[in-house]
C-alpha atoms as a PDB file:
ATOM      1  CA  UNK A   1      42.476   2.735  -8.987  1.00  0.00           C
ATOM      2  CA  UNK A   2      39.690   4.747  -8.009  1.00  0.00           C
ATOM      3  CA  UNK A   3      40.425   7.389  -5.492  1.00  0.00           C
ATOM      4  CA  UNK A   4      37.669   9.276  -3.584  1.00  0.00           C
ATOM      5  CA  UNK A   5      37.993  12.611  -1.734  1.00  0.00           C
ATOM      6  CA  UNK A   6      36.453  12.521   1.796  1.00  0.00           C
ATOM      7  CA  UNK A   7      35.737  15.708   3.582  1.00  0.00           C
ATOM      8  CA  UNK A   8      35.431  14.886   7.326  1.00  0.00           C
ATOM      9  CA  UNK A   9      33.300  17.372   9.304  1.00  0.00           C
ATOM     10  CA  UNK A  10      30.784  17.902  12.108  1.00  0.00           C
ATOM     11  CA  UNK A  11      29.242  21.193  13.610  1.00  0.00           C
ATOM     12  CA  UNK A  12      30.013  20.191  17.278  1.00  0.00           C
ATOM     13  CA  UNK A  13      33.081  22.006  17.670  1.00  0.00           C
ATOM     14  CA  UNK A  14      34.230  22.998  21.347  1.00  0.00           C
ATOM     15  CA  UNK A  15      36.593  25.730  20.269  1.00  0.00           C
ATOM     16  CA  UNK A  16      34.415  27.372  17.616  1.00  0.00           C
ATOM     17  CA  UNK A  17      30.791  26.032  17.568  1.00  0.00           C
ATOM     18  CA  UNK A  18      29.232  25.542  14.234  1.00  0.00           C
ATOM     19  CA  UNK A  19      32.571  26.557  12.577  1.00  0.00           C
ATOM     20  CA  UNK A  20      31.891  24.522   9.544  1.00  0.00           C
ATOM     21  CA  UNK A  21      28.582  26.707   8.863  1.00  0.00           C
ATOM     22  CA  UNK A  22      30.367  30.149   9.565  1.00  0.00           C
ATOM     23  CA  UNK A  23      30.695  32.436   6.631  1.00  0.00           C
ATOM     24  CA  UNK A  24      34.088  33.173   4.960  1.00  0.00           C
ATOM     25  CA  UNK A  25      33.341  35.074   1.844  1.00  0.00           C
ATOM     26  CA  UNK A  26      30.089  36.770   1.735  1.00  0.00           C
ATOM     27  CA  UNK A  27      27.365  34.048   1.990  1.00  0.00           C
ATOM     28  CA  UNK A  28      30.001  31.132   1.573  1.00  0.00           C
ATOM     29  CA  UNK A  29      30.494  29.472   4.577  1.00  0.00           C
ATOM     30  CA  UNK A  30      33.697  27.445   5.429  1.00  0.00           C
ATOM     31  CA  UNK A  31      32.539  24.048   4.257  1.00  0.00           C
ATOM     32  CA  UNK A  32      31.048  25.418   1.099  1.00  0.00           C
ATOM     33  CA  UNK A  33      34.503  27.073   0.387  1.00  0.00           C
ATOM     34  CA  UNK A  34      36.158  23.878   0.585  1.00  0.00           C
ATOM     35  CA  UNK A  35      33.527  22.107  -1.727  1.00  0.00           C
ATOM     36  CA  UNK A  36      33.672  24.775  -4.317  1.00  0.00           C
ATOM     37  CA  UNK A  37      37.529  24.632  -4.445  1.00  0.00           C
ATOM     38  CA  UNK A  38      37.727  20.731  -4.902  1.00  0.00           C
ATOM     39  CA  UNK A  39      35.043  20.886  -7.617  1.00  0.00           C
ATOM     40  CA  UNK A  40      37.293  22.888  -9.635  1.00  0.00           C
ATOM     41  CA  UNK A  41      39.367  19.911 -10.221  1.00  0.00           C
ATOM     42  CA  UNK A  42      37.315  16.982  -9.213  1.00  0.00           C
ATOM     43  CA  UNK A  43      33.742  15.923 -10.337  1.00  0.00           C
ATOM     44  CA  UNK A  44      30.994  15.718  -7.823  1.00  0.00           C
ATOM     45  CA  UNK A  45      31.302  11.815  -8.084  1.00  0.00           C
ATOM     46  CA  UNK A  46      34.703  11.851  -6.564  1.00  0.00           C
ATOM     47  CA  UNK A  47      33.697  13.814  -3.526  1.00  0.00           C
ATOM     48  CA  UNK A  48      31.753  12.532  -0.469  1.00  0.00           C
ATOM     49  CA  UNK A  49      31.252  14.352   2.951  1.00  0.00           C
ATOM     50  CA  UNK A  50      31.571  12.074   6.004  1.00  0.00           C
ATOM     51  CA  UNK A  51      29.596  13.364   9.045  1.00  0.00           C
ATOM     52  CA  UNK A  52      27.797  12.153  11.995  1.00  0.00           C
ATOM     53  CA  UNK A  53      24.404  10.810  12.881  1.00  0.00           C
ATOM     54  CA  UNK A  54      23.657  13.934  15.093  1.00  0.00           C
ATOM     55  CA  UNK A  55      20.705  15.847  14.257  1.00  0.00           C
ATOM     56  CA  UNK A  56      22.783  19.159  14.472  1.00  0.00           C
ATOM     57  CA  UNK A  57      24.822  17.639  11.423  1.00  0.00           C
ATOM     58  CA  UNK A  58      21.679  17.764   8.983  1.00  0.00           C
ATOM     59  CA  UNK A  59      22.855  21.199   7.842  1.00  0.00           C
ATOM     60  CA  UNK A  60      26.036  19.634   6.624  1.00  0.00           C
ATOM     61  CA  UNK A  61      24.046  16.821   4.607  1.00  0.00           C
ATOM     62  CA  UNK A  62      21.964  19.746   3.147  1.00  0.00           C
ATOM     63  CA  UNK A  63      25.038  21.298   1.861  1.00  0.00           C
ATOM     64  CA  UNK A  64      26.171  18.145   0.328  1.00  0.00           C
ATOM     65  CA  UNK A  65      22.814  17.784  -1.400  1.00  0.00           C
ATOM     66  CA  UNK A  66      23.003  21.546  -2.499  1.00  0.00           C
ATOM     67  CA  UNK A  67      26.311  20.874  -4.246  1.00  0.00           C
ATOM     68  CA  UNK A  68      25.445  17.518  -5.620  1.00  0.00           C
ATOM     69  CA  UNK A  69      28.189  15.322  -3.623  1.00  0.00           C
ATOM     70  CA  UNK A  70      27.381  12.120  -1.808  1.00  0.00           C
ATOM     71  CA  UNK A  71      27.343  12.001   2.000  1.00  0.00           C
ATOM     72  CA  UNK A  72      27.743   9.341   4.697  1.00  0.00           C
ATOM     73  CA  UNK A  73      26.702   9.348   8.128  1.00  0.00           C
ATOM     74  CA  UNK A  74      28.228   7.586  10.929  1.00  0.00           C
ATOM     75  CA  UNK A  75      29.708   7.424  14.524  1.00  0.00           C
ATOM     76  CA  UNK A  76      30.666  10.825  16.091  1.00  0.00           C
ATOM     77  CA  UNK A  77      33.725   9.425  17.921  1.00  0.00           C
ATOM     78  CA  UNK A  78      34.738   6.673  15.496  1.00  0.00           C
ATOM     79  CA  UNK A  79      36.119   8.728  12.618  1.00  0.00           C
ATOM     80  CA  UNK A  80      38.166   5.919  11.193  1.00  0.00           C
ATOM     81  CA  UNK A  81      35.180   3.681  10.484  1.00  0.00           C
ATOM     82  CA  UNK A  82      33.193   6.675   9.203  1.00  0.00           C
ATOM     83  CA  UNK A  83      35.949   7.055   6.628  1.00  0.00           C
ATOM     84  CA  UNK A  84      36.086   3.380   5.682  1.00  0.00           C
ATOM     85  CA  UNK A  85      32.228   3.259   5.366  1.00  0.00           C
ATOM     86  CA  UNK A  86      32.105   6.595   3.368  1.00  0.00           C
ATOM     87  CA  UNK A  87      34.525   4.988   0.683  1.00  0.00           C
ATOM     88  CA  UNK A  88      32.629   1.746   0.948  1.00  0.00           C
ATOM     89  CA  UNK A  89      29.544   3.345   0.032  1.00  0.00           C
ATOM     90  CA  UNK A  90      31.073   4.409  -3.294  1.00  0.00           C
ATOM     91  CA  UNK A  91      31.641   1.413  -5.853  1.00  0.00           C
ATOM     92  CA  UNK A  92      35.257   0.611  -6.784  1.00  0.00           C
ATOM     93  CA  UNK A  93      36.734   2.842  -3.953  1.00  0.00           C
ATOM     94  CA  UNK A  94      40.284   1.693  -3.382  1.00  0.00           C
ATOM     95  CA  UNK A  95      41.861   4.882  -1.907  1.00  0.00           C
ATOM     96  CA  UNK A  96      40.547   7.720  -0.101  1.00  0.00           C
ATOM     97  CA  UNK A  97      41.934  11.404   0.448  1.00  0.00           C
ATOM     98  CA  UNK A  98      41.254  12.548   4.116  1.00  0.00           C
ATOM     99  CA  UNK A  99      40.410  16.207   4.159  1.00  0.00           C
ATOM    100  CA  UNK A 100      39.408  17.786   7.266  1.00  0.00           C
ATOM    101  CA  UNK A 101      36.396  20.250   7.312  1.00  0.00           C
ATOM    102  CA  UNK A 102      38.485  22.938   8.889  1.00  0.00           C
ATOM    103  CA  UNK A 103      41.113  23.131   6.173  1.00  0.00           C
ATOM    104  CA  UNK A 104      39.058  25.132   3.740  1.00  0.00           C
ATOM    105  CA  UNK A 105      42.074  26.271   1.683  1.00  0.00           C
ATOM    106  CA  UNK A 106      43.127  22.907   0.438  1.00  0.00           C
ATOM    107  CA  UNK A 107      44.270  23.068  -2.898  1.00  0.00           C
ATOM    108  CA  UNK A 108      42.849  20.757  -5.498  1.00  0.00           C
ATOM    109  CA  UNK A 109      45.650  20.872  -7.953  1.00  0.00           C
ATOM    110  CA  UNK A 110      48.107  19.791  -5.225  1.00  0.00           C
ATOM    111  CA  UNK A 111      45.800  17.097  -4.332  1.00  0.00           C
ATOM    112  CA  UNK A 112      45.780  15.799  -7.904  1.00  0.00           C
ATOM    113  CA  UNK A 113      49.534  15.627  -7.790  1.00  0.00           C
ATOM    114  CA  UNK A 114      49.327  13.792  -4.690  1.00  0.00           C
ATOM    115  CA  UNK A 115      46.919  11.291  -5.776  1.00  0.00           C
ATOM    116  CA  UNK A 116      48.859  10.513  -8.859  1.00  0.00           C
ATOM    117  CA  UNK A 117      52.160  10.104  -6.713  1.00  0.00           C
ATOM    118  CA  UNK A 118      50.241   7.659  -4.428  1.00  0.00           C
ATOM    119  CA  UNK A 119      48.933   5.419  -7.256  1.00  0.00           C
ATOM    120  CA  UNK A 120      51.934   5.164  -9.268  1.00  0.00           C
ATOM    121  CA  UNK A 121      54.017   4.357  -6.230  1.00  0.00           C
ATOM    122  CA  UNK A 122      51.243   1.882  -5.168  1.00  0.00           C
ATOM    123  CA  UNK A 123      51.578   3.373  -1.645  1.00  0.00           C
ATOM    124  CA  UNK A 124      49.574   2.732   1.497  1.00  0.00           C
ATOM    125  CA  UNK A 125      49.818   6.251   3.006  1.00  0.00           C
ATOM    126  CA  UNK A 126      50.953   9.499   1.059  1.00  0.00           C
ATOM    127  CA  UNK A 127      51.269  12.616   3.010  1.00  0.00           C
ATOM    128  CA  UNK A 128      53.243  15.961   2.713  1.00  0.00           C
ATOM    129  CA  UNK A 129      54.988  18.445   4.785  1.00  0.00           C
ATOM    130  CA  UNK A 130      55.942  20.860   1.921  1.00  0.00           C
ATOM    131  CA  UNK A 131      52.941  23.070   2.377  1.00  0.00           C
ATOM    132  CA  UNK A 132      51.403  24.881   5.107  1.00  0.00           C
ATOM    133  CA  UNK A 133      49.538  23.326   8.062  1.00  0.00           C
ATOM    134  CA  UNK A 134      45.872  23.638   7.485  1.00  0.00           C
ATOM    135  CA  UNK A 135      46.248  22.468   3.769  1.00  0.00           C
ATOM    136  CA  UNK A 136      47.921  19.126   4.103  1.00  0.00           C
ATOM    137  CA  UNK A 137      45.553  16.231   3.048  1.00  0.00           C
ATOM    138  CA  UNK A 138      46.378  12.540   3.248  1.00  0.00           C
ATOM    139  CA  UNK A 139      45.905   9.770   0.732  1.00  0.00           C
ATOM    140  CA  UNK A 140      45.245   6.177   2.040  1.00  0.00           C
ATOM    141  CA  UNK A 141      44.475   3.019   0.707  1.00  0.00           C
ATOM    142  CA  UNK A 142      41.396   1.417   2.181  1.00  0.00           C
ATOM    143  CA  UNK A 143      43.200  -1.697   2.703  1.00  0.00           C
ATOM    144  CA  UNK A 144      45.430  -0.152   5.135  1.00  0.00           C
ATOM    145  CA  UNK A 145      42.688   1.938   6.878  1.00  0.00           C
ATOM    146  CA  UNK A 146      40.866  -1.525   7.229  1.00  0.00           C
ATOM    147  CA  UNK A 147      43.955  -3.158   9.002  1.00  0.00           C
ATOM    148  CA  UNK A 148      44.088  -0.152  11.437  1.00  0.00           C
ATOM    149  CA  UNK A 149      40.259  -0.443  12.173  1.00  0.00           C
ATOM    150  CA  UNK A 150      40.849  -3.882  13.150  1.00  0.00           C
ATOM    151  CA  UNK A 151      43.916  -3.255  15.241  1.00  0.00           C
ATOM    152  CA  UNK A 152      43.315   0.199  16.933  1.00  0.00           C
ATOM    153  CA  UNK A 153      42.487  -0.589  20.506  1.00  0.00           C
ATOM    154  CA  UNK A 154      40.236   2.699  21.035  1.00  0.00           C
ATOM    155  CA  UNK A 155      38.664   3.524  17.791  1.00  0.00           C
ATOM    156  CA  UNK A 156      36.680   6.318  19.535  1.00  0.00           C
ATOM    157  CA  UNK A 157      39.925   8.060  19.781  1.00  0.00           C
ATOM    158  CA  UNK A 158      40.620   8.360  15.948  1.00  0.00           C
ATOM    159  CA  UNK A 159      39.800  12.142  15.399  1.00  0.00           C
ATOM    160  CA  UNK A 160      43.761  12.775  15.352  1.00  0.00           C
ATOM    161  CA  UNK A 161      44.231   9.684  12.962  1.00  0.00           C
ATOM    162  CA  UNK A 162      47.606  11.203  11.511  1.00  0.00           C
ATOM    163  CA  UNK A 163      49.240   9.491  14.960  1.00  0.00           C
ATOM    164  CA  UNK A 164      48.056   6.278  13.795  1.00  0.00           C
ATOM    165  CA  UNK A 165      48.830   6.757  10.245  1.00  0.00           C
ATOM    166  CA  UNK A 166      52.540   7.513  10.888  1.00  0.00           C
ATOM    167  CA  UNK A 167      53.082   4.475  13.195  1.00  0.00           C
ATOM    168  CA  UNK A 168      55.637   2.081  11.828  1.00  0.00           C
ATOM    169  CA  UNK A 169      53.050  -0.867  11.088  1.00  0.00           C
ATOM    170  CA  UNK A 170      54.635  -2.225   7.790  1.00  0.00           C
ATOM    171  CA  UNK A 171      52.677   0.062   5.485  1.00  0.00           C
ATOM    172  CA  UNK A 172      54.278   1.737   2.449  1.00  0.00           C
ATOM    173  CA  UNK A 173      54.649   5.298   3.179  1.00  0.00           C
ATOM    174  CA  UNK A 174      55.143   8.099   0.519  1.00  0.00           C
ATOM    175  CA  UNK A 175      56.195  11.646   1.472  1.00  0.00           C
ATOM    176  CA  UNK A 176      55.178  13.755  -1.318  1.00  0.00           C
ATOM    177  CA  UNK A 177      57.568  16.591  -1.652  1.00  0.00           C
ATOM    178  CA  UNK A 178      56.752  19.900  -3.454  1.00  0.00           C
ATOM    179  CA  UNK A 179      58.702  23.100  -3.371  1.00  0.00           C
ATOM    180  CA  UNK A 180      56.437  25.779  -1.955  1.00  0.00           C
ATOM    181  CA  UNK A 181      57.031  29.104  -0.469  1.00  0.00           C
ATOM    182  CA  UNK A 182      56.498  29.168   3.226  1.00  0.00           C
ATOM    183  CA  UNK A 183      54.280  31.439   5.601  1.00  0.00           C
ATOM    184  CA  UNK A 184      56.821  33.587   7.007  1.00  0.00           C
ATOM    185  CA  UNK A 185      55.016  34.560  10.061  1.00  0.00           C
ATOM    186  CA  UNK A 186      54.639  30.800  10.806  1.00  0.00           C
ATOM    187  CA  UNK A 187      50.790  31.003  10.775  1.00  0.00           C
ATOM    188  CA  UNK A 188      48.888  28.018   9.831  1.00  0.00           C
ATOM    189  CA  UNK A 189      45.744  28.121   7.650  1.00  0.00           C
ATOM    190  CA  UNK A 190      43.591  25.811   9.558  1.00  0.00           C
ATOM    191  CA  UNK A 191      40.369  26.915  11.252  1.00  0.00           C
ATOM    192  CA  UNK A 192      40.254  26.042  14.877  1.00  0.00           C
ATOM    193  CA  UNK A 193      39.406  29.221  16.723  1.00  0.00           C
ATOM    194  CA  UNK A 194      37.851  32.682  16.084  1.00  0.00           C
ATOM    195  CA  UNK A 195      41.107  34.250  15.318  1.00  0.00           C
ATOM    196  CA  UNK A 196      41.913  31.585  12.621  1.00  0.00           C
ATOM    197  CA  UNK A 197      38.501  32.327  10.980  1.00  0.00           C
ATOM    198  CA  UNK A 198      39.283  36.250  11.005  1.00  0.00           C
ATOM    199  CA  UNK A 199      42.792  35.351   9.550  1.00  0.00           C
ATOM    200  CA  UNK A 200      41.206  33.476   6.656  1.00  0.00           C
ATOM    201  CA  UNK A 201      38.527  36.382   5.980  1.00  0.00           C
ATOM    202  CA  UNK A 202      41.515  38.882   6.092  1.00  0.00           C
ATOM    203  CA  UNK A 203      43.266  36.803   3.459  1.00  0.00           C
ATOM    204  CA  UNK A 204      40.335  36.817   1.131  1.00  0.00           C
ATOM    205  CA  UNK A 205      39.484  40.493   1.643  1.00  0.00           C
ATOM    206  CA  UNK A 206      42.967  40.986   0.160  1.00  0.00           C
ATOM    207  CA  UNK A 207      42.507  38.816  -2.983  1.00  0.00           C
ATOM    208  CA  UNK A 208      38.928  40.280  -3.756  1.00  0.00           C
ATOM    209  CA  UNK A 209      37.172  37.224  -2.231  1.00  0.00           C
ATOM    210  CA  UNK A 210      38.726  35.135  -5.243  1.00  0.00           C
ATOM    211  CA  UNK A 211      37.157  31.662  -3.968  1.00  0.00           C
ATOM    212  CA  UNK A 212      39.659  29.600  -6.479  1.00  0.00           C
ATOM    213  CA  UNK A 213      42.785  31.338  -5.522  1.00  0.00           C
ATOM    214  CA  UNK A 214      45.850  29.071  -5.436  1.00  0.00           C
ATOM    215  CA  UNK A 215      47.863  27.823  -2.545  1.00  0.00           C
ATOM    216  CA  UNK A 216      50.741  29.995  -4.029  1.00  0.00           C
ATOM    217  CA  UNK A 217      48.609  32.926  -4.222  1.00  0.00           C
ATOM    218  CA  UNK A 218      47.306  32.816  -0.804  1.00  0.00           C
ATOM    219  CA  UNK A 219      50.786  32.346   0.504  1.00  0.00           C
ATOM    220  CA  UNK A 220      52.353  34.955  -1.539  1.00  0.00           C
ATOM    221  CA  UNK A 221      49.435  37.444  -0.462  1.00  0.00           C
ATOM    222  CA  UNK A 222      49.945  36.642   3.329  1.00  0.00           C
ATOM    223  CA  UNK A 223      53.757  37.433   2.894  1.00  0.00           C
ATOM    224  CA  UNK A 224      53.375  40.437   0.746  1.00  0.00           C
ATOM    225  CA  UNK A 225      50.484  42.069   2.660  1.00  0.00           C
ATOM    226  CA  UNK A 226      52.083  40.916   6.002  1.00  0.00           C
ATOM    227  CA  UNK A 227      48.768  39.555   7.260  1.00  0.00           C
ATOM    228  CA  UNK A 228      48.968  38.021  10.733  1.00  0.00           C
ATOM    229  CA  UNK A 229      46.852  35.934  12.868  1.00  0.00           C
ATOM    230  CA  UNK A 230      45.788  37.458  16.283  1.00  0.00           C
ATOM    231  CA  UNK A 231      46.731  35.369  19.176  1.00  0.00           C
ATOM    232  CA  UNK A 232      44.040  33.262  20.566  1.00  0.00           C
ATOM    233  CA  UNK A 233      43.351  32.958  24.187  1.00  0.00           C
ATOM    234  CA  UNK A 234      42.476  29.215  23.580  1.00  0.00           C
ATOM    235  CA  UNK A 235      45.354  26.892  24.812  1.00  0.00           C
ATOM    236  CA  UNK A 236      46.490  24.290  22.480  1.00  0.00           C
ATOM    237  CA  UNK A 237      45.015  20.616  22.857  1.00  0.00           C
ATOM    238  CA  UNK A 238      47.246  18.234  25.034  1.00  0.00           C
ATOM    239  CA  UNK A 239      47.908  15.260  22.951  1.00  0.00           C
ATOM    240  CA  UNK A 240      48.929  12.121  25.020  1.00  0.00           C
ATOM    241  CA  UNK A 241      50.649   9.886  22.378  1.00  0.00           C
ATOM    242  CA  UNK A 242      50.241   6.926  24.731  1.00  0.00           C
ATOM    243  CA  UNK A 243      46.580   7.183  23.851  1.00  0.00           C
ATOM    244  CA  UNK A 244      47.189   6.131  20.358  1.00  0.00           C
ATOM    245  CA  UNK A 245      47.624   2.388  20.906  1.00  0.00           C
ATOM    246  CA  UNK A 246      47.522  -0.358  18.536  1.00  0.00           C
ATOM    247  CA  UNK A 247      47.645  -4.265  19.014  1.00  0.00           C
ATOM    248  CA  UNK A 248      51.040  -5.941  18.088  1.00  0.00           C
ATOM    249  CA  UNK A 249      50.204  -6.840  14.551  1.00  0.00           C
ATOM    250  CA  UNK A 250      51.960  -6.152  11.199  1.00  0.00           C
ATOM    251  CA  UNK A 251      50.358  -4.967   7.980  1.00  0.00           C
ATOM    252  CA  UNK A 252      51.384  -6.674   4.850  1.00  0.00           C
END
């Protein structure tokens, strides 16, 4: 099976504008950090950036070109079809790894093991809860994604696709379990606010800006050095699960 890594990103973030382009380590921005980490274990033909048709996202496609990875541009709101079309643009793509652009500390070694588990078990959806929020990618079959595309009632509400993935529609789910140390403070590693970005910068300052640090090393550093995330004044998003509707259909 051919599995492609897809980075889903855009610059239009209301909480932290242009966060994908903000510097994390010296001159390396958030998206570049993610790409550099992925390229340590995957070749550039296996990575695609899925962004929007907005002129503002030209800078993201320029970054993709800089690092020699493919890119696909599509709808701002219909993230699901953007994922599907990004995969379809690559010959032989059967599975896709969904990596959100605000998770720069995604560990490529963990990803390799998740992909192997997904392919061996011939699953439709592989996920993990073993590692911190902000590093959890998901592996999906294109067949299952196309099923969702045909049955989701409002595809402009697919930014938070995990809520759709985890509905019981007959797909074969595979929970990948990997023993990992937890972050004792309970802080996550996603970048959604200014405080999140400062937290990531503080971590890298402690590991001498080691771009390719493993997730284990990052977690151990956070715990040992007692690095805490400052509280943000931005309230959490309200998610209404009734918005994630799907037609009465069964995957199989």
